[in-house]
Amino acid sequence: MALKCNIGAAGKAARLRVGLLGVAGGIGLALVTATGIVPSIAWWAALGSIAGGSFAIWEARAGWCVVRAMGFKTPM
C-alpha cells in the first residue's frame, strides 16, 4: 500500500512541532522517572509519549496523516 500525501506544508509543520514536543516530553519524563521522583509506572507514559511523538515526526516527514486517511477532516 503506497501512502499518498494528504497534508500540506502547514499540517507537516504542526505535526513536526507536536512530534518534537512529544519526544522531548517523553525523554524528560523518563529522566524524572529514572531519578525516582515519580513512580515507576510513569515508564509506560514516557514510552508512549516517545512512540507517539516519533510517529508524528514520521507523519510530518511522509506528508501523510492517519486521521485524514480514515476520512476525518482536520483543520490544517
N, C-alpha and C. Protein backbone atom coordinates (compact mmCIF):
# COMPACT_ATOMS: atom_id res chain seq x y z
N MET A 1 0.84 -1.17 0.00
CA MET A 1 0.00 0.00 0.00
C MET A 1 0.89 1.24 0.00
N ALA A 2 0.76 2.04 -1.01
CA ALA A 2 1.51 3.28 -1.09
C ALA A 2 0.76 4.38 -0.34
N LEU A 3 1.50 5.17 0.39
CA LEU A 3 0.90 6.28 1.12
C LEU A 3 0.88 7.51 0.22
N LYS A 4 -0.30 8.10 0.06
CA LYS A 4 -0.44 9.28 -0.77
C LYS A 4 -0.42 10.51 0.14
N CYS A 5 0.33 11.51 -0.24
CA CYS A 5 0.42 12.74 0.55
C CYS A 5 -0.98 13.32 0.73
N ASN A 6 -1.38 13.54 1.98
CA ASN A 6 -2.71 14.07 2.23
C ASN A 6 -2.71 15.28 3.18
N ILE A 7 -1.53 15.86 3.43
CA ILE A 7 -1.46 17.08 4.23
C ILE A 7 -0.53 18.08 3.55
N GLY A 8 -0.76 19.35 3.80
CA GLY A 8 0.05 20.40 3.21
C GLY A 8 1.20 20.80 4.12
N ALA A 9 1.84 21.89 3.75
CA ALA A 9 3.01 22.37 4.49
C ALA A 9 2.65 22.77 5.93
N ALA A 10 1.49 23.38 6.12
CA ALA A 10 1.10 23.79 7.48
C ALA A 10 0.85 22.57 8.36
N GLY A 11 0.23 21.54 7.82
CA GLY A 11 0.00 20.31 8.57
C GLY A 11 1.29 19.59 8.90
N LYS A 12 2.21 19.58 7.95
CA LYS A 12 3.52 18.95 8.20
C LYS A 12 4.25 19.67 9.33
N ALA A 13 4.23 21.00 9.29
CA ALA A 13 4.92 21.78 10.32
C ALA A 13 4.29 21.55 11.69
N ALA A 14 2.96 21.50 11.73
CA ALA A 14 2.27 21.28 13.01
C ALA A 14 2.59 19.90 13.57
N ARG A 15 2.58 18.88 12.72
CA ARG A 15 2.89 17.53 13.19
C ARG A 15 4.34 17.41 13.65
N LEU A 16 5.23 18.10 12.96
CA LEU A 16 6.63 18.08 13.37
C LEU A 16 6.80 18.71 14.75
N ARG A 17 6.15 19.85 14.98
CA ARG A 17 6.22 20.51 16.30
C ARG A 17 5.66 19.61 17.39
N VAL A 18 4.49 19.04 17.14
CA VAL A 18 3.86 18.17 18.14
C VAL A 18 4.75 16.95 18.40
N GLY A 19 5.32 16.39 17.34
CA GLY A 19 6.20 15.23 17.50
C GLY A 19 7.44 15.54 18.31
N LEU A 20 8.07 16.65 18.02
CA LEU A 20 9.27 17.03 18.78
C LEU A 20 8.94 17.29 20.24
N LEU A 21 7.81 17.93 20.50
CA LEU A 21 7.40 18.17 21.89
C LEU A 21 7.07 16.86 22.60
N GLY A 22 6.45 15.93 21.89
CA GLY A 22 6.13 14.63 22.48
C GLY A 22 7.38 13.84 22.84
N VAL A 23 8.35 13.82 21.93
CA VAL A 23 9.59 13.10 22.20
C VAL A 23 10.35 13.77 23.34
N ALA A 24 10.44 15.09 23.31
CA ALA A 24 11.16 15.82 24.37
C ALA A 24 10.47 15.61 25.73
N GLY A 25 9.13 15.67 25.75
CA GLY A 25 8.40 15.43 26.98
C GLY A 25 8.59 14.01 27.50
N GLY A 26 8.59 13.05 26.59
CA GLY A 26 8.81 11.67 26.98
C GLY A 26 10.19 11.43 27.55
N ILE A 27 11.19 12.05 26.94
CA ILE A 27 12.56 11.94 27.46
C ILE A 27 12.65 12.59 28.84
N GLY A 28 12.03 13.76 28.97
CA GLY A 28 12.02 14.43 30.28
C GLY A 28 11.34 13.59 31.34
N LEU A 29 10.21 12.99 30.99
CA LEU A 29 9.51 12.13 31.95
C LEU A 29 10.34 10.90 32.28
N ALA A 30 11.04 10.35 31.29
CA ALA A 30 11.91 9.19 31.56
C ALA A 30 13.03 9.56 32.51
N LEU A 31 13.61 10.74 32.35
CA LEU A 31 14.68 11.18 33.25
C LEU A 31 14.16 11.37 34.67
N VAL A 32 12.98 11.97 34.80
CA VAL A 32 12.39 12.18 36.12
C VAL A 32 12.04 10.84 36.76
N THR A 33 11.57 9.91 35.95
CA THR A 33 11.24 8.58 36.47
C THR A 33 12.50 7.84 36.89
N ALA A 34 13.57 7.98 36.12
CA ALA A 34 14.82 7.29 36.43
C ALA A 34 15.42 7.79 37.75
N THR A 35 15.18 9.04 38.09
CA THR A 35 15.71 9.57 39.35
C THR A 35 14.84 9.20 40.55
N GLY A 36 13.67 8.63 40.29
CA GLY A 36 12.80 8.19 41.38
C GLY A 36 11.84 9.26 41.88
N ILE A 37 11.72 10.37 41.19
CA ILE A 37 10.82 11.44 41.63
C ILE A 37 9.36 11.04 41.43
N VAL A 38 9.08 10.33 40.36
CA VAL A 38 7.73 9.84 40.10
C VAL A 38 7.75 8.31 40.14
N PRO A 39 6.60 7.68 40.36
CA PRO A 39 6.57 6.21 40.44
C PRO A 39 7.02 5.55 39.14
N SER A 40 7.43 4.31 39.25
CA SER A 40 7.97 3.60 38.09
C SER A 40 6.91 3.33 37.02
N ILE A 41 5.65 3.44 37.34
CA ILE A 41 4.59 3.26 36.33
C ILE A 41 4.69 4.32 35.24
N ALA A 42 5.34 5.43 35.52
CA ALA A 42 5.49 6.51 34.53
C ALA A 42 6.37 6.10 33.36
N TRP A 43 7.09 4.97 33.47
CA TRP A 43 7.86 4.48 32.32
C TRP A 43 6.94 4.24 31.13
N TRP A 44 5.74 3.74 31.38
CA TRP A 44 4.80 3.48 30.29
C TRP A 44 4.37 4.78 29.63
N ALA A 45 4.14 5.82 30.42
CA ALA A 45 3.77 7.12 29.87
C ALA A 45 4.91 7.71 29.05
N ALA A 46 6.13 7.56 29.56
CA ALA A 46 7.30 8.08 28.84
C ALA A 46 7.46 7.34 27.51
N LEU A 47 7.33 6.04 27.54
CA LEU A 47 7.46 5.24 26.32
C LEU A 47 6.36 5.59 25.31
N GLY A 48 5.15 5.75 25.80
CA GLY A 48 4.03 6.12 24.93
C GLY A 48 4.22 7.49 24.31
N SER A 49 4.72 8.43 25.09
CA SER A 49 4.97 9.78 24.58
C SER A 49 6.06 9.78 23.52
N ILE A 50 7.11 9.03 23.76
CA ILE A 50 8.20 8.96 22.77
C ILE A 50 7.71 8.26 21.51
N ALA A 51 6.96 7.20 21.64
CA ALA A 51 6.44 6.48 20.47
C ALA A 51 5.46 7.35 19.68
N GLY A 52 4.56 8.01 20.37
CA GLY A 52 3.60 8.88 19.69
C GLY A 52 4.27 10.06 19.01
N GLY A 53 5.24 10.65 19.69
CA GLY A 53 5.98 11.76 19.09
C GLY A 53 6.77 11.32 17.89
N SER A 54 7.36 10.14 17.96
CA SER A 54 8.11 9.62 16.82
C SER A 54 7.19 9.36 15.64
N PHE A 55 5.99 8.86 15.90
CA PHE A 55 5.03 8.64 14.82
C PHE A 55 4.61 9.96 14.19
N ALA A 56 4.40 10.99 15.00
CA ALA A 56 4.03 12.30 14.46
C ALA A 56 5.15 12.88 13.61
N ILE A 57 6.39 12.69 14.02
CA ILE A 57 7.53 13.14 13.22
C ILE A 57 7.56 12.39 11.90
N TRP A 58 7.31 11.09 11.94
CA TRP A 58 7.26 10.30 10.71
C TRP A 58 6.15 10.79 9.79
N GLU A 59 4.97 11.09 10.37
CA GLU A 59 3.86 11.63 9.56
C GLU A 59 4.25 12.93 8.89
N ALA A 60 4.94 13.79 9.62
CA ALA A 60 5.37 15.07 9.04
C ALA A 60 6.34 14.84 7.89
N ARG A 61 7.25 13.92 8.08
CA ARG A 61 8.24 13.63 7.03
C ARG A 61 7.60 12.99 5.80
N ALA A 62 6.64 12.09 6.03
CA ALA A 62 5.98 11.39 4.92
C ALA A 62 4.91 12.25 4.25
N GLY A 63 4.42 13.26 4.96
CA GLY A 63 3.33 14.08 4.41
C GLY A 63 2.00 13.35 4.43
N TRP A 64 1.86 12.43 5.34
CA TRP A 64 0.67 11.59 5.42
C TRP A 64 0.13 11.60 6.83
N CYS A 65 -1.17 11.70 6.96
CA CYS A 65 -1.82 11.74 8.27
C CYS A 65 -2.80 10.57 8.38
N VAL A 66 -2.64 9.77 9.42
CA VAL A 66 -3.50 8.60 9.61
C VAL A 66 -4.95 9.03 9.84
N VAL A 67 -5.18 10.13 10.53
CA VAL A 67 -6.54 10.59 10.81
C VAL A 67 -7.23 11.00 9.51
N ARG A 68 -6.51 11.72 8.66
CA ARG A 68 -7.08 12.12 7.37
C ARG A 68 -7.29 10.92 6.47
N ALA A 69 -6.42 9.92 6.56
CA ALA A 69 -6.56 8.72 5.75
C ALA A 69 -7.82 7.94 6.13
N MET A 70 -8.28 8.09 7.38
CA MET A 70 -9.50 7.42 7.82
C MET A 70 -10.75 8.17 7.42
N GLY A 71 -10.58 9.36 6.79
CA GLY A 71 -11.73 10.11 6.30
C GLY A 71 -12.14 11.31 7.13
N PHE A 72 -11.46 11.56 8.24
CA PHE A 72 -11.79 12.72 9.06
C PHE A 72 -11.13 13.96 8.47
N LYS A 73 -11.82 15.08 8.52
CA LYS A 73 -11.24 16.33 8.04
C LYS A 73 -10.61 17.08 9.21
N THR A 74 -9.36 17.44 9.06
CA THR A 74 -8.65 18.19 10.10
C THR A 74 -8.51 19.63 9.63
N PRO A 75 -8.40 20.58 10.55
CA PRO A 75 -8.38 21.99 10.16
C PRO A 75 -7.15 22.43 9.36
N MET A 76 -6.07 21.69 9.40
CA MET A 76 -4.87 22.12 8.64
C MET A 76 -4.69 21.28 7.43
